[in-house]
C-alpha atoms as a PDB file:
ATOM      1  CA  MET A   1     -15.316 -59.542 -31.791  1.00  0.00           C
ATOM      2  CA  SER A   2     -15.934 -61.485 -34.975  1.00  0.00           C
ATOM      3  CA  ASN A   3     -13.668 -61.650 -37.831  1.00  0.00           C
ATOM      4  CA  ILE A   4     -16.481 -61.391 -40.373  1.00  0.00           C
ATOM      5  CA  THR A   5     -15.843 -58.827 -43.021  1.00  0.00           C
ATOM      6  CA  HIS A   6     -18.778 -56.771 -44.346  1.00  0.00           C
ATOM      7  CA  PRO A   7     -19.074 -55.784 -48.021  1.00  0.00           C
ATOM      8  CA  PRO A   8     -18.426 -52.138 -48.765  1.00  0.00           C
ATOM      9  CA  ALA A   9     -21.437 -49.732 -48.567  1.00  0.00           C
ATOM     10  CA  ALA A  10     -23.304 -49.337 -51.880  1.00  0.00           C
ATOM     11  CA  ASN A  11     -22.405 -45.611 -52.167  1.00  0.00           C
ATOM     12  CA  VAL A  12     -18.668 -46.133 -51.554  1.00  0.00           C
ATOM     13  CA  MET A  13     -16.558 -47.073 -54.553  1.00  0.00           C
ATOM     14  CA  PRO A  14     -13.569 -48.987 -53.102  1.00  0.00           C
ATOM     15  CA  THR A  15     -10.152 -48.451 -54.587  1.00  0.00           C
ATOM     16  CA  SER A  16      -7.287 -50.857 -54.744  1.00  0.00           C
ATOM     17  CA  ASN A  17      -6.187 -49.595 -51.340  1.00  0.00           C
ATOM     18  CA  GLY A  18      -9.707 -49.988 -49.777  1.00  0.00           C
ATOM     19  CA  GLY A  19     -10.337 -46.233 -49.602  1.00  0.00           C
ATOM     20  CA  VAL A  20     -12.986 -44.064 -51.275  1.00  0.00           C
ATOM     21  CA  SER A  21     -12.727 -43.301 -54.928  1.00  0.00           C
ATOM     22  CA  ARG A  22     -11.062 -39.993 -55.923  1.00  0.00           C
ATOM     23  CA  ILE A  23     -14.435 -38.916 -57.769  1.00  0.00           C
ATOM     24  CA  GLU A  24     -16.361 -39.408 -54.561  1.00  0.00           C
ATOM     25  CA  GLN A  25     -13.657 -37.751 -52.419  1.00  0.00           C
ATOM     26  CA  GLY A  26     -13.605 -34.825 -54.852  1.00  0.00           C
ATOM     27  CA  PHE A  27     -17.348 -34.424 -54.805  1.00  0.00           C
ATOM     28  CA  GLU A  28     -17.382 -34.529 -50.963  1.00  0.00           C
ATOM     29  CA  VAL A  29     -14.706 -31.750 -50.940  1.00  0.00           C
ATOM     30  CA  MET A  30     -16.790 -29.711 -53.393  1.00  0.00           C
ATOM     31  CA  ILE A  31     -19.925 -30.163 -51.157  1.00  0.00           C
ATOM     32  CA  PHE A  32     -18.149 -29.143 -48.103  1.00  0.00           C
ATOM     33  CA  ALA A  33     -16.564 -26.071 -49.806  1.00  0.00           C
ATOM     34  CA  SER A  34     -20.000 -25.011 -51.066  1.00  0.00           C
ATOM     35  CA  ARG A  35     -20.728 -23.654 -47.627  1.00  0.00           C
ATOM     36  CA  TRP A  36     -18.568 -20.680 -48.660  1.00  0.00           C
ATOM     37  CA  ILE A  37     -21.441 -19.656 -50.986  1.00  0.00           C
ATOM     38  CA  GLN A  38     -23.121 -18.286 -47.871  1.00  0.00           C
ATOM     39  CA  ALA A  39     -20.232 -15.907 -47.086  1.00  0.00           C
ATOM     40  CA  PRO A  40     -21.416 -13.162 -49.463  1.00  0.00           C
ATOM     41  CA  LEU A  41     -24.944 -13.421 -47.929  1.00  0.00           C
ATOM     42  CA  TYR A  42     -23.543 -12.707 -44.523  1.00  0.00           C
ATOM     43  CA  ALA A  43     -21.439  -9.801 -46.099  1.00  0.00           C
ATOM     44  CA  GLY A  44     -24.756  -8.457 -47.418  1.00  0.00           C
ATOM     45  CA  LEU A  45     -26.360  -8.561 -44.053  1.00  0.00           C
ATOM     46  CA  ILE A  46     -23.432  -6.641 -42.627  1.00  0.00           C
ATOM     47  CA  VAL A  47     -24.142  -3.881 -45.259  1.00  0.00           C
ATOM     48  CA  ALA A  48     -27.779  -3.994 -44.235  1.00  0.00           C
ATOM     49  CA  GLU A  49     -26.700  -3.469 -40.729  1.00  0.00           C
ATOM     50  CA  LEU A  50     -24.608  -0.457 -41.783  1.00  0.00           C
ATOM     51  CA  LEU A  51     -27.747   0.962 -43.549  1.00  0.00           C
ATOM     52  CA  TYR A  52     -29.735   0.446 -40.317  1.00  0.00           C
ATOM     53  CA  ALA A  53     -27.037   2.310 -38.392  1.00  0.00           C
ATOM     54  CA  TYR A  54     -27.441   5.184 -40.848  1.00  0.00           C
ATOM     55  CA  LYS A  55     -31.143   5.057 -40.532  1.00  0.00           C
ATOM     56  CA  PHE A  56     -30.823   5.238 -36.776  1.00  0.00           C
ATOM     57  CA  LEU A  57     -28.542   8.144 -36.864  1.00  0.00           C
ATOM     58  CA  THR A  58     -30.816   9.999 -39.357  1.00  0.00           C
ATOM     59  CA  GLU A  59     -33.891   9.470 -37.086  1.00  0.00           C
ATOM     60  CA  LEU A  60     -31.958  10.475 -33.985  1.00  0.00           C
ATOM     61  CA  GLY A  61     -30.773  13.622 -35.804  1.00  0.00           C
ATOM     62  CA  GLU A  62     -34.357  14.452 -36.751  1.00  0.00           C
ATOM     63  CA  MET A  63     -35.427  13.962 -33.173  1.00  0.00           C
ATOM     64  CA  VAL A  64     -32.620  16.172 -31.853  1.00  0.00           C
ATOM     65  CA  TYR A  65     -33.536  18.891 -34.496  1.00  0.00           C
ATOM     66  CA  HIS A  66     -37.233  18.916 -33.738  1.00  0.00           C
ATOM     67  CA  LEU A  67     -36.992  18.185 -30.023  1.00  0.00           C
ATOM     68  CA  GLY A  68     -38.592  21.524 -28.938  1.00  0.00           C
ATOM     69  CA  THR A  69     -41.647  20.925 -31.198  1.00  0.00           C
ATOM     70  CA  LEU A  70     -42.335  17.213 -30.536  1.00  0.00           C
ATOM     71  CA  THR A  71     -45.188  16.296 -28.357  1.00  0.00           C
ATOM     72  CA  GLU A  72     -44.591  13.635 -25.740  1.00  0.00           C
ATOM     73  CA  THR A  73     -46.369  10.986 -27.851  1.00  0.00           C
ATOM     74  CA  VAL A  74     -44.400  11.785 -30.922  1.00  0.00           C
ATOM     75  CA  PHE A  75     -41.184  11.845 -28.955  1.00  0.00           C
ATOM     76  CA  MET A  76     -41.979   8.340 -27.301  1.00  0.00           C
ATOM     77  CA  LEU A  77     -42.826   7.014 -30.834  1.00  0.00           C
ATOM     78  CA  GLY A  78     -39.388   8.258 -32.019  1.00  0.00           C
ATOM     79  CA  ILE A  79     -37.721   6.514 -29.128  1.00  0.00           C
ATOM     80  CA  LEU A  80     -39.606   3.344 -29.860  1.00  0.00           C
ATOM     81  CA  SER A  81     -38.492   3.565 -33.409  1.00  0.00           C
ATOM     82  CA  LEU A  82     -34.910   3.876 -32.400  1.00  0.00           C
ATOM     83  CA  ILE A  83     -35.346   0.860 -30.032  1.00  0.00           C
ATOM     84  CA  ASP A  84     -36.896  -1.097 -32.967  1.00  0.00           C
ATOM     85  CA  ILE A  85     -33.960  -0.262 -35.222  1.00  0.00           C
ATOM     86  CA  THR A  86     -31.487  -1.370 -32.505  1.00  0.00           C
ATOM     87  CA  MET A  87     -33.277  -4.665 -32.039  1.00  0.00           C
ATOM     88  CA  VAL A  88     -33.391  -5.369 -35.749  1.00  0.00           C
ATOM     89  CA  ALA A  89     -29.538  -4.540 -35.927  1.00  0.00           C
ATOM     90  CA  ASN A  90     -29.011  -7.011 -32.936  1.00  0.00           C
ATOM     91  CA  LEU A  91     -30.981  -9.612 -34.780  1.00  0.00           C
ATOM     92  CA  LEU A  92     -28.883  -8.992 -37.882  1.00  0.00           C
ATOM     93  CA  THR A  93     -25.612  -9.328 -35.768  1.00  0.00           C
ATOM     94  CA  MET A  94     -26.869 -12.580 -34.254  1.00  0.00           C
ATOM     95  CA  VAL A  95     -27.683 -14.070 -37.700  1.00  0.00           C
ATOM     96  CA  VAL A  96     -24.317 -12.979 -39.167  1.00  0.00           C
ATOM     97  CA  ILE A  97     -22.096 -14.231 -36.274  1.00  0.00           C
ATOM     98  CA  GLY A  98     -24.177 -17.398 -35.342  1.00  0.00           C
ATOM     99  CA  GLY A  99     -24.897 -18.307 -38.976  1.00  0.00           C
ATOM    100  CA  TYR A 100     -21.398 -17.852 -40.171  1.00  0.00           C
ATOM    101  CA  ALA A 101     -19.927 -19.719 -37.119  1.00  0.00           C
ATOM    102  CA  THR A 102     -22.456 -22.592 -37.493  1.00  0.00           C
ATOM    103  CA  PHE A 103     -22.610 -22.977 -41.271  1.00  0.00           C
ATOM    104  CA  VAL A 104     -19.465 -21.499 -42.823  1.00  0.00           C
ATOM    105  CA  SER A 105     -16.471 -21.397 -40.625  1.00  0.00           C
ATOM    106  CA  LYS A 106     -15.473 -21.319 -37.016  1.00  0.00           C
ATOM    107  CA  LEU A 107     -14.594 -17.961 -35.648  1.00  0.00           C
ATOM    108  CA  ASP A 108     -11.200 -17.756 -34.085  1.00  0.00           C
ATOM    109  CA  LEU A 109     -12.082 -15.724 -31.000  1.00  0.00           C
ATOM    110  CA  GLU A 110     -11.152 -17.967 -28.009  1.00  0.00           C
ATOM    111  CA  GLY A 111      -8.847 -15.405 -26.457  1.00  0.00           C
ATOM    112  CA  HIS A 112     -10.788 -12.255 -27.583  1.00  0.00           C
ATOM    113  CA  ARG A 113     -12.022 -10.223 -24.501  1.00  0.00           C
ATOM    114  CA  ASP A 114     -15.259  -9.139 -26.383  1.00  0.00           C
ATOM    115  CA  ARG A 115     -16.287 -12.631 -27.535  1.00  0.00           C
ATOM    116  CA  PRO A 116     -20.043 -13.003 -26.920  1.00  0.00           C
ATOM    117  CA  ASP A 117     -20.886 -15.641 -24.251  1.00  0.00           C
ATOM    118  CA  TRP A 118     -23.671 -17.222 -26.426  1.00  0.00           C
ATOM    119  CA  LEU A 119     -21.099 -18.042 -29.131  1.00  0.00           C
ATOM    120  CA  SER A 120     -19.670 -20.892 -27.170  1.00  0.00           C
ATOM    121  CA  HIS A 121     -22.972 -22.929 -27.337  1.00  0.00           C
ATOM    122  CA  VAL A 122     -24.414 -21.725 -30.687  1.00  0.00           C
ATOM    123  CA  ASP A 123     -25.987 -24.324 -32.875  1.00  0.00           C
ATOM    124  CA  PRO A 124     -28.983 -24.113 -35.405  1.00  0.00           C
ATOM    125  CA  GLY A 125     -31.582 -24.821 -32.681  1.00  0.00           C
ATOM    126  CA  THR A 126     -30.156 -22.081 -30.422  1.00  0.00           C
ATOM    127  CA  ILE A 127     -30.055 -19.547 -33.357  1.00  0.00           C
ATOM    128  CA  LYS A 128     -33.738 -20.341 -34.082  1.00  0.00           C
ATOM    129  CA  VAL A 129     -34.821 -19.798 -30.519  1.00  0.00           C
ATOM    130  CA  LYS A 130     -32.782 -16.512 -30.239  1.00  0.00           C
ATOM    131  CA  LEU A 131     -34.216 -15.308 -33.518  1.00  0.00           C
ATOM    132  CA  ALA A 132     -37.762 -16.145 -32.399  1.00  0.00           C
ATOM    133  CA  ALA A 133     -37.125 -14.177 -29.127  1.00  0.00           C
ATOM    134  CA  SER A 134     -35.737 -11.181 -31.154  1.00  0.00           C
ATOM    135  CA  LEU A 135     -38.826 -11.232 -33.419  1.00  0.00           C
ATOM    136  CA  ILE A 136     -41.050 -11.259 -30.260  1.00  0.00           C
ATOM    137  CA  GLY A 137     -39.153  -8.194 -28.938  1.00  0.00           C
ATOM    138  CA  ILE A 138     -39.505  -6.366 -32.299  1.00  0.00           C
ATOM    139  CA  SER A 139     -43.138  -7.309 -32.455  1.00  0.00           C
ATOM    140  CA  SER A 140     -43.579  -5.948 -28.897  1.00  0.00           C
ATOM    141  CA  ILE A 141     -42.093  -2.596 -29.918  1.00  0.00           C
ATOM    142  CA  HIS A 142     -44.365  -2.426 -32.958  1.00  0.00           C
ATOM    143  CA  LEU A 143     -47.399  -3.293 -30.661  1.00  0.00           C
ATOM    144  CA  LEU A 144     -46.349  -0.686 -28.094  1.00  0.00           C
ATOM    145  CA  LYS A 145     -46.057   1.921 -30.771  1.00  0.00           C
ATOM    146  CA  ALA A 146     -49.582   1.127 -31.960  1.00  0.00           C
ATOM    147  CA  PHE A 147     -50.883   1.450 -28.327  1.00  0.00           C
ATOM    148  CA  VAL A 148     -49.040   4.728 -27.764  1.00  0.00           C
ATOM    149  CA  ASN A 149     -50.492   6.081 -31.050  1.00  0.00           C
ATOM    150  CA  VAL A 150     -53.913   4.399 -30.582  1.00  0.00           C
ATOM    151  CA  SER A 151     -55.847   7.454 -31.658  1.00  0.00           C
ATOM    152  CA  ASN A 152     -54.158   7.297 -35.074  1.00  0.00           C
ATOM    153  CA  VAL A 153     -54.228   3.536 -35.594  1.00  0.00           C
ATOM    154  CA  SER A 154     -57.270   1.497 -36.555  1.00  0.00           C
ATOM    155  CA  THR A 155     -58.580  -1.182 -34.255  1.00  0.00           C
ATOM    156  CA  GLU A 156     -58.280  -3.685 -37.037  1.00  0.00           C
ATOM    157  CA  HIS A 157     -54.603  -2.923 -37.388  1.00  0.00           C
ATOM    158  CA  ILE A 158     -54.017  -3.423 -33.664  1.00  0.00           C
ATOM    159  CA  LYS A 159     -56.045  -6.678 -33.764  1.00  0.00           C
ATOM    160  CA  TRP A 160     -53.765  -8.008 -36.534  1.00  0.00           C
ATOM    161  CA  GLN A 161     -50.608  -6.882 -34.623  1.00  0.00           C
ATOM    162  CA  ILE A 162     -51.789  -8.710 -31.469  1.00  0.00           C
ATOM    163  CA  LEU A 163     -52.377 -11.798 -33.569  1.00  0.00           C
ATOM    164  CA  ILE A 164     -49.061 -11.657 -35.273  1.00  0.00           C
ATOM    165  CA  HIS A 165     -47.419 -11.134 -31.915  1.00  0.00           C
ATOM    166  CA  MET A 166     -49.239 -14.071 -30.358  1.00  0.00           C
ATOM    167  CA  THR A 167     -48.230 -16.163 -33.337  1.00  0.00           C
ATOM    168  CA  PHE A 168     -44.545 -15.238 -32.777  1.00  0.00           C
ATOM    169  CA  LEU A 169     -44.903 -15.935 -29.084  1.00  0.00           C
ATOM    170  CA  GLY A 170     -46.436 -19.369 -29.664  1.00  0.00           C
ATOM    171  CA  SER A 171     -43.799 -20.191 -32.334  1.00  0.00           C
ATOM    172  CA  ALA A 172     -41.021 -19.288 -29.992  1.00  0.00           C
ATOM    173  CA  ILE A 173     -42.489 -21.501 -27.164  1.00  0.00           C
ATOM    174  CA  LEU A 174     -42.713 -24.413 -29.477  1.00  0.00           C
ATOM    175  CA  LEU A 175     -39.252 -23.844 -30.873  1.00  0.00           C
ATOM    176  CA  ALA A 176     -37.814 -23.550 -27.331  1.00  0.00           C
ATOM    177  CA  TYR A 177     -39.651 -26.733 -26.309  1.00  0.00           C
ATOM    178  CA  THR A 178     -38.532 -28.696 -29.411  1.00  0.00           C
ATOM    179  CA  ASP A 179     -34.942 -27.581 -28.809  1.00  0.00           C
ATOM    180  CA  LYS A 180     -35.111 -28.628 -25.141  1.00  0.00           C
ATOM    181  CA  LEU A 181     -36.399 -32.171 -26.300  1.00  0.00           C
ATOM    182  CA  MET A 182     -33.540 -32.372 -28.813  1.00  0.00           C
ATOM    183  CA  GLN A 183     -30.987 -31.379 -26.207  1.00  0.00           C
ATOM    184  CA  ARG A 184     -32.338 -34.010 -23.797  1.00  0.00           C
ATOM    185  CA  ASP A 185     -32.258 -36.675 -26.445  1.00  0.00           C
ATOM    186  CA  ARG A 186     -28.610 -35.872 -27.360  1.00  0.00           C
ATOM    187  CA  LYS A 187     -27.637 -36.255 -23.703  1.00  0.00           C
ATOM    188  CA  HIS A 188     -29.111 -39.748 -23.540  1.00  0.00           C
END
């Protein structure tokens, strides 16, 4: 160990006691506190999820009311719509919980019996991969709806849906691979 002292970094303004200036410290506190600006955004997503729950119940009610007159195809399309709404709601939940826990504040759920398993290893990379997987699921449902209703959907529309689905799939594979490489690099 050498006794050589290094000059303070250029961005640190030393004070008489060798610490960081109050201005810089105040600015850093303000930057860190700015994460709370995202909290209303997550609250808005919770409202959107409530609206999705209302939409789900409305569509389910319509299906129950018209059950006797629905053809098998229309009934299946209704079920696929309910699955689609549920998957989007799952996506919203994942974004709200994962985003809040990653970017705003830790969730104090250690002893909670309903704590999701994935929350223990959530980070921005994991959230991106999970979001991509959710988008693939949602895209799959839309594609299946087009296939079930093929007589009423143009070939061009189905081609675009397949292209979009393949784009989501390729993106998810690349995101997962990139996340795997980053995890490997962190371990070394």
